[in-house]
C-alpha atoms as a PDB file:
ATOM      1  CA  MET A   1     -95.756  54.038 -31.039  1.00  0.00           C
ATOM      2  CA  LEU A   2     -92.598  55.380 -32.244  1.00  0.00           C
ATOM      3  CA  LEU A   3     -89.465  54.471 -30.173  1.00  0.00           C
ATOM      4  CA  LEU A   4     -86.423  56.775 -30.626  1.00  0.00           C
ATOM      5  CA  THR A   5     -82.815  55.297 -29.582  1.00  0.00           C
ATOM      6  CA  LEU A   6     -80.841  58.408 -28.629  1.00  0.00           C
ATOM      7  CA  PRO A   7     -76.972  58.083 -27.901  1.00  0.00           C
ATOM      8  CA  LEU A   8     -75.517  58.200 -24.423  1.00  0.00           C
ATOM      9  CA  PHE A   9     -73.445  61.023 -23.657  1.00  0.00           C
ATOM     10  CA  ALA A  10     -71.079  60.383 -20.702  1.00  0.00           C
ATOM     11  CA  CYS A  11     -71.387  63.082 -18.118  1.00  0.00           C
ATOM     12  CA  THR A  12     -67.904  64.132 -16.744  1.00  0.00           C
ATOM     13  CA  GLU A  13     -66.960  66.661 -14.012  1.00  0.00           C
ATOM     14  CA  PRO A  14     -64.592  69.500 -15.608  1.00  0.00           C
ATOM     15  CA  LEU A  15     -61.039  69.123 -14.159  1.00  0.00           C
ATOM     16  CA  PRO A  16     -60.348  72.075 -11.527  1.00  0.00           C
ATOM     17  CA  THR A  17     -58.117  74.757 -12.500  1.00  0.00           C
ATOM     18  CA  ASN A  18     -56.644  75.934  -9.584  1.00  0.00           C
ATOM     19  CA  GLY A  19     -56.315  74.665  -5.793  1.00  0.00           C
ATOM     20  CA  SER A  20     -53.542  74.114  -3.045  1.00  0.00           C
ATOM     21  CA  PHE A  21     -51.506  71.800  -1.138  1.00  0.00           C
ATOM     22  CA  SER A  22     -49.210  71.623   1.494  1.00  0.00           C
ATOM     23  CA  ALA A  23     -45.514  70.303   0.999  1.00  0.00           C
ATOM     24  CA  LEU A  24     -43.282  69.200   3.753  1.00  0.00           C
ATOM     25  CA  SER A  25     -39.457  67.900   3.887  1.00  0.00           C
ATOM     26  CA  TYR A  26     -38.847  65.967   6.758  1.00  0.00           C
ATOM     27  CA  ASN A  27     -35.393  63.994   7.840  1.00  0.00           C
ATOM     28  CA  VAL A  28     -36.830  61.468   9.859  1.00  0.00           C
ATOM     29  CA  HIS A  29     -33.467  60.512  11.521  1.00  0.00           C
ATOM     30  CA  GLY A  30     -34.491  56.604  10.855  1.00  0.00           C
ATOM     31  CA  LEU A  31     -30.937  54.918  11.561  1.00  0.00           C
ATOM     32  CA  PRO A  32     -30.798  52.161  13.683  1.00  0.00           C
ATOM     33  CA  SER A  33     -30.815  53.442  17.668  1.00  0.00           C
ATOM     34  CA  ALA A  34     -27.239  52.061  18.063  1.00  0.00           C
ATOM     35  CA  ILE A  35     -26.129  55.124  15.801  1.00  0.00           C
ATOM     36  CA  THR A  36     -28.939  57.593  16.940  1.00  0.00           C
ATOM     37  CA  GLY A  37     -28.704  56.989  20.560  1.00  0.00           C
ATOM     38  CA  ASP A  38     -32.434  57.075  20.892  1.00  0.00           C
ATOM     39  CA  ASP A  39     -35.369  54.763  20.623  1.00  0.00           C
ATOM     40  CA  THR A  40     -35.932  55.463  16.593  1.00  0.00           C
ATOM     41  CA  PRO A  41     -38.877  52.955  16.405  1.00  0.00           C
ATOM     42  CA  GLY A  42     -40.585  54.793  19.073  1.00  0.00           C
ATOM     43  CA  ARG A  43     -39.966  58.130  17.636  1.00  0.00           C
ATOM     44  CA  MET A  44     -41.529  56.609  14.380  1.00  0.00           C
ATOM     45  CA  VAL A  45     -44.376  55.718  16.246  1.00  0.00           C
ATOM     46  CA  GLN A  46     -44.770  59.532  17.338  1.00  0.00           C
ATOM     47  CA  ILE A  47     -44.046  60.957  14.016  1.00  0.00           C
ATOM     48  CA  ALA A  48     -46.723  59.067  11.584  1.00  0.00           C
ATOM     49  CA  PRO A  49     -49.644  60.905  13.069  1.00  0.00           C
ATOM     50  CA  LEU A  50     -48.390  63.994  12.370  1.00  0.00           C
ATOM     51  CA  LEU A  51     -47.761  63.251   8.792  1.00  0.00           C
ATOM     52  CA  VAL A  52     -51.564  62.867   8.125  1.00  0.00           C
ATOM     53  CA  GLU A  53     -52.137  66.831   7.721  1.00  0.00           C
ATOM     54  CA  HIS A  54     -49.913  67.252   4.593  1.00  0.00           C
ATOM     55  CA  ASP A  55     -50.628  66.496   1.380  1.00  0.00           C
ATOM     56  CA  LEU A  56     -46.976  65.836  -0.224  1.00  0.00           C
ATOM     57  CA  ILE A  57     -44.217  64.800   1.921  1.00  0.00           C
ATOM     58  CA  GLY A  58     -40.639  64.334   0.985  1.00  0.00           C
ATOM     59  CA  LEU A  59     -39.201  61.801   3.542  1.00  0.00           C
ATOM     60  CA  GLN A  60     -35.271  61.335   3.980  1.00  0.00           C
ATOM     61  CA  GLU A  61     -33.200  58.741   6.155  1.00  0.00           C
ATOM     62  CA  ASP A  62     -36.281  56.446   5.892  1.00  0.00           C
ATOM     63  CA  PHE A  63     -33.921  53.521   5.781  1.00  0.00           C
ATOM     64  CA  ASP A  64     -35.406  50.871   7.723  1.00  0.00           C
ATOM     65  CA  ASP A  65     -38.190  48.481   5.920  1.00  0.00           C
ATOM     66  CA  ALA A  66     -40.001  48.228   9.649  1.00  0.00           C
ATOM     67  CA  ASN A  67     -39.555  51.824  10.540  1.00  0.00           C
ATOM     68  CA  HIS A  68     -40.927  52.694   7.144  1.00  0.00           C
ATOM     69  CA  GLU A  69     -44.060  50.560   7.418  1.00  0.00           C
ATOM     70  CA  THR A  70     -44.542  52.371  11.057  1.00  0.00           C
ATOM     71  CA  LEU A  71     -44.490  55.628   9.495  1.00  0.00           C
ATOM     72  CA  VAL A  72     -46.895  54.849   6.682  1.00  0.00           C
ATOM     73  CA  ALA A  73     -49.267  52.198   8.211  1.00  0.00           C
ATOM     74  CA  ASP A  74     -52.045  54.879   8.699  1.00  0.00           C
ATOM     75  CA  ALA A  75     -51.131  57.313   5.903  1.00  0.00           C
ATOM     76  CA  PRO A  76     -54.352  58.792   4.141  1.00  0.00           C
ATOM     77  CA  HIS A  77     -51.913  59.281   0.850  1.00  0.00           C
ATOM     78  CA  GLU A  78     -53.048  57.312  -1.852  1.00  0.00           C
ATOM     79  CA  PHE A  79     -49.979  57.268  -3.415  1.00  0.00           C
ATOM     80  CA  GLN A  80     -46.507  56.144  -1.983  1.00  0.00           C
ATOM     81  CA  GLU A  81     -43.135  55.806  -3.510  1.00  0.00           C
ATOM     82  CA  ARG A  82     -40.273  54.522  -1.797  1.00  0.00           C
ATOM     83  CA  PHE A  83     -36.812  54.630  -3.402  1.00  0.00           C
ATOM     84  CA  SER A  84     -34.470  51.971  -1.413  1.00  0.00           C
ATOM     85  CA  ALA A  85     -32.049  50.920  -4.234  1.00  0.00           C
ATOM     86  CA  LYS A  86     -28.083  50.634  -3.189  1.00  0.00           C
ATOM     87  CA  VAL A  87     -25.609  51.522  -5.346  1.00  0.00           C
ATOM     88  CA  ASP A  88     -23.786  48.056  -4.718  1.00  0.00           C
ATOM     89  CA  THR A  89     -24.061  45.550  -2.329  1.00  0.00           C
ATOM     90  CA  THR A  90     -21.150  47.229  -0.436  1.00  0.00           C
ATOM     91  CA  ARG A  91     -23.616  49.919   0.757  1.00  0.00           C
ATOM     92  CA  ALA A  92     -25.387  49.555   4.154  1.00  0.00           C
ATOM     93  CA  TYR A  93     -28.371  51.359   2.933  1.00  0.00           C
ATOM     94  CA  GLY A  94     -30.191  52.397  -0.009  1.00  0.00           C
ATOM     95  CA  SER A  95     -31.238  56.185  -0.472  1.00  0.00           C
ATOM     96  CA  GLY A  96     -33.516  56.484   2.382  1.00  0.00           C
ATOM     97  CA  LEU A  97     -35.841  58.338   0.415  1.00  0.00           C
ATOM     98  CA  GLY A  98     -39.812  58.555   0.384  1.00  0.00           C
ATOM     99  CA  VAL A  99     -42.649  60.553  -1.172  1.00  0.00           C
ATOM    100  CA  LEU A 100     -46.138  60.416   0.310  1.00  0.00           C
ATOM    101  CA  SER A 101     -48.716  62.061  -1.820  1.00  0.00           C
ATOM    102  CA  LYS A 102     -52.239  62.779  -1.645  1.00  0.00           C
ATOM    103  CA  LEU A 103     -52.490  63.841  -5.186  1.00  0.00           C
ATOM    104  CA  GLU A 104     -51.869  61.767  -8.320  1.00  0.00           C
ATOM    105  CA  ILE A 105     -48.693  60.220  -8.999  1.00  0.00           C
ATOM    106  CA  LEU A 106     -48.325  59.983 -12.508  1.00  0.00           C
ATOM    107  CA  GLU A 107     -44.520  58.648 -13.002  1.00  0.00           C
ATOM    108  CA  ALA A 108     -42.001  58.258 -10.653  1.00  0.00           C
ATOM    109  CA  GLN A 109     -38.440  57.192 -10.915  1.00  0.00           C
ATOM    110  CA  GLY A 110     -35.258  57.035  -8.775  1.00  0.00           C
ATOM    111  CA  VAL A 111     -31.696  57.962  -9.513  1.00  0.00           C
ATOM    112  CA  LEU A 112     -28.728  57.338  -6.920  1.00  0.00           C
ATOM    113  CA  TYR A 113     -25.726  59.809  -7.247  1.00  0.00           C
ATOM    114  CA  THR A 114     -22.226  58.599  -8.272  1.00  0.00           C
ATOM    115  CA  GLU A 115     -20.050  60.709  -5.794  1.00  0.00           C
ATOM    116  CA  CYS A 116     -20.194  60.039  -2.158  1.00  0.00           C
ATOM    117  CA  TYR A 117     -17.265  60.411   0.488  1.00  0.00           C
ATOM    118  CA  GLY A 118     -16.855  58.703   4.029  1.00  0.00           C
ATOM    119  CA  GLY A 119     -17.147  55.272   5.618  1.00  0.00           C
ATOM    120  CA  ALA A 120     -17.716  53.759   9.081  1.00  0.00           C
ATOM    121  CA  THR A 121     -14.538  55.963  10.247  1.00  0.00           C
ATOM    122  CA  THR A 122     -13.952  58.828   7.863  1.00  0.00           C
ATOM    123  CA  GLY A 123     -16.002  61.818   7.109  1.00  0.00           C
ATOM    124  CA  SER A 124     -19.742  62.040   7.642  1.00  0.00           C
ATOM    125  CA  GLY A 125     -20.011  58.438   6.529  1.00  0.00           C
ATOM    126  CA  ASP A 126     -22.160  59.036   3.203  1.00  0.00           C
ATOM    127  CA  CYS A 127     -20.789  56.181   1.406  1.00  0.00           C
ATOM    128  CA  LEU A 128     -22.395  53.846   3.903  1.00  0.00           C
ATOM    129  CA  ALA A 129     -25.831  54.963   2.094  1.00  0.00           C
ATOM    130  CA  SER A 130     -26.459  55.378  -1.389  1.00  0.00           C
ATOM    131  CA  LYS A 131     -27.517  59.098  -1.693  1.00  0.00           C
ATOM    132  CA  GLY A 132     -29.625  60.308  -4.720  1.00  0.00           C
ATOM    133  CA  PHE A 133     -33.070  61.642  -5.391  1.00  0.00           C
ATOM    134  CA  GLN A 134     -36.477  60.557  -6.481  1.00  0.00           C
ATOM    135  CA  TRP A 135     -38.304  62.331  -9.413  1.00  0.00           C
ATOM    136  CA  ILE A 136     -42.252  62.336  -9.767  1.00  0.00           C
ATOM    137  CA  ARG A 137     -44.762  63.578 -11.755  1.00  0.00           C
ATOM    138  CA  LEU A 138     -47.908  65.076 -10.139  1.00  0.00           C
ATOM    139  CA  SER A 139     -51.259  65.652 -11.864  1.00  0.00           C
ATOM    140  CA  LEU A 140     -52.974  68.722 -10.708  1.00  0.00           C
ATOM    141  CA  GLY A 141     -56.088  69.530 -12.992  1.00  0.00           C
ATOM    142  CA  GLU A 142     -55.060  69.740 -16.561  1.00  0.00           C
ATOM    143  CA  GLY A 143     -51.597  70.318 -15.769  1.00  0.00           C
ATOM    144  CA  GLU A 144     -48.763  68.627 -14.308  1.00  0.00           C
ATOM    145  CA  ILE A 145     -45.577  69.475 -11.926  1.00  0.00           C
ATOM    146  CA  ASP A 146     -42.335  67.661 -11.674  1.00  0.00           C
ATOM    147  CA  VAL A 147     -41.364  66.962  -7.843  1.00  0.00           C
ATOM    148  CA  LEU A 148     -38.104  65.869  -6.828  1.00  0.00           C
ATOM    149  CA  ASN A 149     -37.088  64.658  -3.300  1.00  0.00           C
ATOM    150  CA  THR A 150     -33.494  64.479  -2.246  1.00  0.00           C
ATOM    151  CA  HIS A 151     -30.807  63.820   0.363  1.00  0.00           C
ATOM    152  CA  MET A 152     -27.498  65.325  -0.115  1.00  0.00           C
ATOM    153  CA  GLU A 153     -23.793  64.845   1.157  1.00  0.00           C
ATOM    154  CA  ALA A 154     -23.208  65.854   4.315  1.00  0.00           C
ATOM    155  CA  GLY A 155     -19.424  66.578   5.947  1.00  0.00           C
ATOM    156  CA  GLY A 156     -17.689  70.049   5.545  1.00  0.00           C
ATOM    157  CA  GLY A 157     -14.265  68.400   4.309  1.00  0.00           C
ATOM    158  CA  ASP A 158     -12.893  69.036   0.454  1.00  0.00           C
ATOM    159  CA  GLU A 159     -14.137  65.570  -0.409  1.00  0.00           C
ATOM    160  CA  ASP A 160     -17.985  66.207   1.033  1.00  0.00           C
ATOM    161  CA  ASN A 161     -17.751  69.543  -0.847  1.00  0.00           C
ATOM    162  CA  ALA A 162     -17.159  68.392  -4.219  1.00  0.00           C
ATOM    163  CA  ALA A 163     -19.507  65.318  -3.768  1.00  0.00           C
ATOM    164  CA  ARG A 164     -22.051  67.846  -2.757  1.00  0.00           C
ATOM    165  CA  LEU A 165     -21.493  70.039  -6.247  1.00  0.00           C
ATOM    166  CA  SER A 166     -21.807  67.202  -8.363  1.00  0.00           C
ATOM    167  CA  HIS A 167     -25.408  66.316  -6.380  1.00  0.00           C
ATOM    168  CA  ALA A 168     -26.282  69.726  -7.253  1.00  0.00           C
ATOM    169  CA  VAL A 169     -25.291  69.626 -10.783  1.00  0.00           C
ATOM    170  CA  ALA A 170     -27.078  66.106 -11.021  1.00  0.00           C
ATOM    171  CA  ILE A 171     -30.372  67.001  -9.621  1.00  0.00           C
ATOM    172  CA  THR A 172     -30.683  70.477 -11.422  1.00  0.00           C
ATOM    173  CA  GLU A 173     -29.769  68.780 -15.064  1.00  0.00           C
ATOM    174  CA  TYR A 174     -32.018  66.214 -14.667  1.00  0.00           C
ATOM    175  CA  ALA A 175     -34.934  68.342 -13.467  1.00  0.00           C
ATOM    176  CA  VAL A 176     -34.269  70.821 -16.240  1.00  0.00           C
ATOM    177  CA  ALA A 177     -33.953  68.068 -18.902  1.00  0.00           C
ATOM    178  CA  ASN A 178     -37.186  66.406 -17.979  1.00  0.00           C
ATOM    179  CA  ALA A 179     -39.569  69.119 -16.836  1.00  0.00           C
ATOM    180  CA  GLY A 180     -40.038  70.909 -20.236  1.00  0.00           C
ATOM    181  CA  ASP A 181     -42.403  73.773 -19.512  1.00  0.00           C
ATOM    182  CA  ARG A 182     -43.340  72.029 -16.001  1.00  0.00           C
ATOM    183  CA  ALA A 183     -42.930  73.970 -12.781  1.00  0.00           C
ATOM    184  CA  VAL A 184     -40.706  72.055 -10.793  1.00  0.00           C
ATOM    185  CA  VAL A 185     -40.469  71.708  -6.844  1.00  0.00           C
ATOM    186  CA  ILE A 186     -37.552  70.194  -4.977  1.00  0.00           C
ATOM    187  CA  ILE A 187     -37.781  69.094  -1.749  1.00  0.00           C
ATOM    188  CA  GLY A 188     -34.675  67.574   0.650  1.00  0.00           C
ATOM    189  CA  ASP A 189     -32.168  67.759   3.012  1.00  0.00           C
ATOM    190  CA  THR A 190     -29.526  69.493   1.084  1.00  0.00           C
ATOM    191  CA  ASN A 191     -26.890  69.770   3.673  1.00  0.00           C
ATOM    192  CA  LEU A 192     -25.945  73.332   2.082  1.00  0.00           C
ATOM    193  CA  HIS A 193     -25.690  75.917   4.540  1.00  0.00           C
ATOM    194  CA  GLY A 194     -26.626  79.689   3.805  1.00  0.00           C
ATOM    195  CA  ASP A 195     -23.682  81.330   5.488  1.00  0.00           C
ATOM    196  CA  ASP A 196     -20.998  78.403   4.694  1.00  0.00           C
ATOM    197  CA  PRO A 197     -18.637  80.006   1.798  1.00  0.00           C
ATOM    198  CA  GLU A 198     -18.009  76.471   0.553  1.00  0.00           C
ATOM    199  CA  ASP A 199     -21.660  76.140   0.009  1.00  0.00           C
ATOM    200  CA  LEU A 200     -22.201  79.198  -2.166  1.00  0.00           C
ATOM    201  CA  GLU A 201     -21.111  77.369  -5.678  1.00  0.00           C
ATOM    202  CA  PRO A 202     -23.499  74.515  -5.531  1.00  0.00           C
ATOM    203  CA  LEU A 203     -26.226  76.929  -4.457  1.00  0.00           C
ATOM    204  CA  GLU A 204     -25.248  79.154  -7.194  1.00  0.00           C
ATOM    205  CA  VAL A 205     -26.264  75.762  -9.589  1.00  0.00           C
ATOM    206  CA  PHE A 206     -29.585  75.780  -7.941  1.00  0.00           C
ATOM    207  CA  TRP A 207     -30.262  79.508  -8.769  1.00  0.00           C
ATOM    208  CA  ASP A 208     -28.617  79.212 -12.236  1.00  0.00           C
ATOM    209  CA  ALA A 209     -31.235  76.728 -13.275  1.00  0.00           C
ATOM    210  CA  GLY A 210     -34.221  78.771 -11.970  1.00  0.00           C
ATOM    211  CA  PHE A 211     -34.732  77.575  -9.070  1.00  0.00           C
ATOM    212  CA  GLU A 212     -35.583  79.667  -5.827  1.00  0.00           C
ATOM    213  CA  ASP A 213     -35.905  78.859  -2.093  1.00  0.00           C
ATOM    214  CA  VAL A 214     -39.306  79.147  -0.954  1.00  0.00           C
ATOM    215  CA  CYS A 215     -37.801  80.609   2.575  1.00  0.00           C
ATOM    216  CA  ASP A 216     -36.293  83.581   0.218  1.00  0.00           C
ATOM    217  CA  ILE A 217     -39.461  84.051  -1.915  1.00  0.00           C
ATOM    218  CA  LEU A 218     -41.236  84.711   1.499  1.00  0.00           C
ATOM    219  CA  GLY A 219     -38.399  86.490   3.545  1.00  0.00           C
ATOM    220  CA  CYS A 220     -38.997  83.453   6.285  1.00  0.00           C
ATOM    221  CA  PRO A 221     -37.613  84.301   9.937  1.00  0.00           C
ATOM    222  CA  GLU A 222     -34.710  81.370   9.497  1.00  0.00           C
ATOM    223  CA  PRO A 223     -33.243  81.494   6.074  1.00  0.00           C
ATOM    224  CA  GLY A 224     -30.370  79.551   5.414  1.00  0.00           C
ATOM    225  CA  ARG A 225     -31.585  76.191   6.635  1.00  0.00           C
ATOM    226  CA  ILE A 226     -30.280  73.019   4.830  1.00  0.00           C
ATOM    227  CA  ASP A 227     -33.570  71.520   4.824  1.00  0.00           C
ATOM    228  CA  ARG A 228     -35.140  73.276   1.884  1.00  0.00           C
ATOM    229  CA  ILE A 229     -38.192  73.572  -0.623  1.00  0.00           C
ATOM    230  CA  LEU A 230     -37.093  75.111  -4.002  1.00  0.00           C
ATOM    231  CA  LEU A 231     -39.419  76.030  -6.737  1.00  0.00           C
ATOM    232  CA  ARG A 232     -38.553  76.637 -10.368  1.00  0.00           C
ATOM    233  CA  PRO A 233     -41.510  78.361 -12.447  1.00  0.00           C
ATOM    234  CA  GLY A 234     -43.623  76.609 -15.219  1.00  0.00           C
ATOM    235  CA  ASP A 235     -46.528  76.612 -16.929  1.00  0.00           C
ATOM    236  CA  VAL A 236     -48.896  75.440 -13.772  1.00  0.00           C
ATOM    237  CA  GLU A 237     -48.369  78.698 -11.467  1.00  0.00           C
ATOM    238  CA  LEU A 238     -47.077  77.749  -8.118  1.00  0.00           C
ATOM    239  CA  THR A 239     -47.339  80.515  -5.362  1.00  0.00           C
ATOM    240  CA  ALA A 240     -45.889  79.491  -2.112  1.00  0.00           C
ATOM    241  CA  SER A 241     -47.122  81.086   1.470  1.00  0.00           C
ATOM    242  CA  ASN A 242     -47.181  80.253   5.023  1.00  0.00           C
ATOM    243  CA  TRP A 243     -43.562  78.752   5.179  1.00  0.00           C
ATOM    244  CA  ARG A 244     -42.803  77.161   8.463  1.00  0.00           C
ATOM    245  CA  VAL A 245     -41.276  75.088  10.746  1.00  0.00           C
ATOM    246  CA  GLU A 246     -43.309  72.204  12.288  1.00  0.00           C
ATOM    247  CA  PRO A 247     -43.336  72.007  16.082  1.00  0.00           C
ATOM    248  CA  TRP A 248     -42.902  68.397  16.238  1.00  0.00           C
ATOM    249  CA  PHE A 249     -41.327  67.149  19.852  1.00  0.00           C
ATOM    250  CA  ASP A 250     -42.101  64.496  22.047  1.00  0.00           C
ATOM    251  CA  ALA A 251     -43.947  64.598  25.481  1.00  0.00           C
ATOM    252  CA  ASP A 252     -40.358  65.910  26.995  1.00  0.00           C
ATOM    253  CA  ASP A 253     -40.111  68.580  24.302  1.00  0.00           C
ATOM    254  CA  VAL A 254     -37.554  66.647  22.483  1.00  0.00           C
ATOM    255  CA  PRO A 255     -37.698  67.064  18.951  1.00  0.00           C
ATOM    256  CA  LEU A 256     -38.727  63.625  17.119  1.00  0.00           C
ATOM    257  CA  SER A 257     -35.514  63.964  14.869  1.00  0.00           C
ATOM    258  CA  ASP A 258     -32.291  65.799  14.615  1.00  0.00           C
ATOM    259  CA  HIS A 259     -33.786  67.618  11.264  1.00  0.00           C
ATOM    260  CA  ASP A 260     -36.920  70.138  11.843  1.00  0.00           C
ATOM    261  CA  PRO A 261     -39.703  69.439   9.428  1.00  0.00           C
ATOM    262  CA  ILE A 262     -40.122  72.223   6.869  1.00  0.00           C
ATOM    263  CA  ALA A 263     -43.443  72.818   5.351  1.00  0.00           C
ATOM    264  CA  VAL A 264     -44.923  75.410   2.914  1.00  0.00           C
ATOM    265  CA  ASP A 265     -48.486  76.129   1.271  1.00  0.00           C
ATOM    266  CA  LEU A 266     -48.701  76.157  -2.210  1.00  0.00           C
ATOM    267  CA  ALA A 267     -51.581  77.489  -4.634  1.00  0.00           C
ATOM    268  CA  TRP A 268     -51.503  76.386  -8.172  1.00  0.00           C
ATOM    269  CA  SER A 269     -53.511  77.278 -11.037  1.00  0.00           C
ATOM    270  CA  THR A 270     -53.676  76.372 -14.849  1.00  0.00           C
ATOM    271  CA  GLU A 271     -55.358  79.437 -15.790  1.00  0.00           C
END
């Protein structure tokens, strides 16, 4: 009997060339109850199960460790990145930024903004926290995209406007420098009002860097919101649809945060 030893070949499934995912931006107003004036931990309990349905989530004001654990305790998102670093020990809080993803995160990094204005009794208190942005790289089939989650300066004074402009410059320069040919998604609370003349200059920074607001792309019914999802095209084609405000309220029809959650569906293709 002649025995032949045949080479073994691994059978691997081909990577998908297209798909879709939902993206959400949500400032959860996660400050202590003494500041928010409500039951912050109780709101986190109610918010947590609502996050389950979305594939990619950018959270802002996720400041407190215990509240964060409540938010993600039952999250089905395999990949979770929280950016809690502080500019220095004088800051009360870190950046308050977090990303939850059902899509594979290949790399992640956090960057802190250098400019802010306002303390406990001045401005909007932005310098009590350490605002910045998270950068992550996602795997989509044979392709990759970059996602940045951010919370920018609040307030309407001259110092706030200058800080907010510097934030727009910092995040767009970072995105363009690192993305190469990759598509880029920016998720976050930009604190940029579409009808405020002082906010036109930082908005132009985004437009000049090749970004578009999904709300503008789709002609959404509520343009100019400060919570935004922005797209910059790349070698993975991203097509937006179904921009919406998620109707997340408690049993008394009170919103679960002082910001509405903004969501959009994104189809992708590497073909």
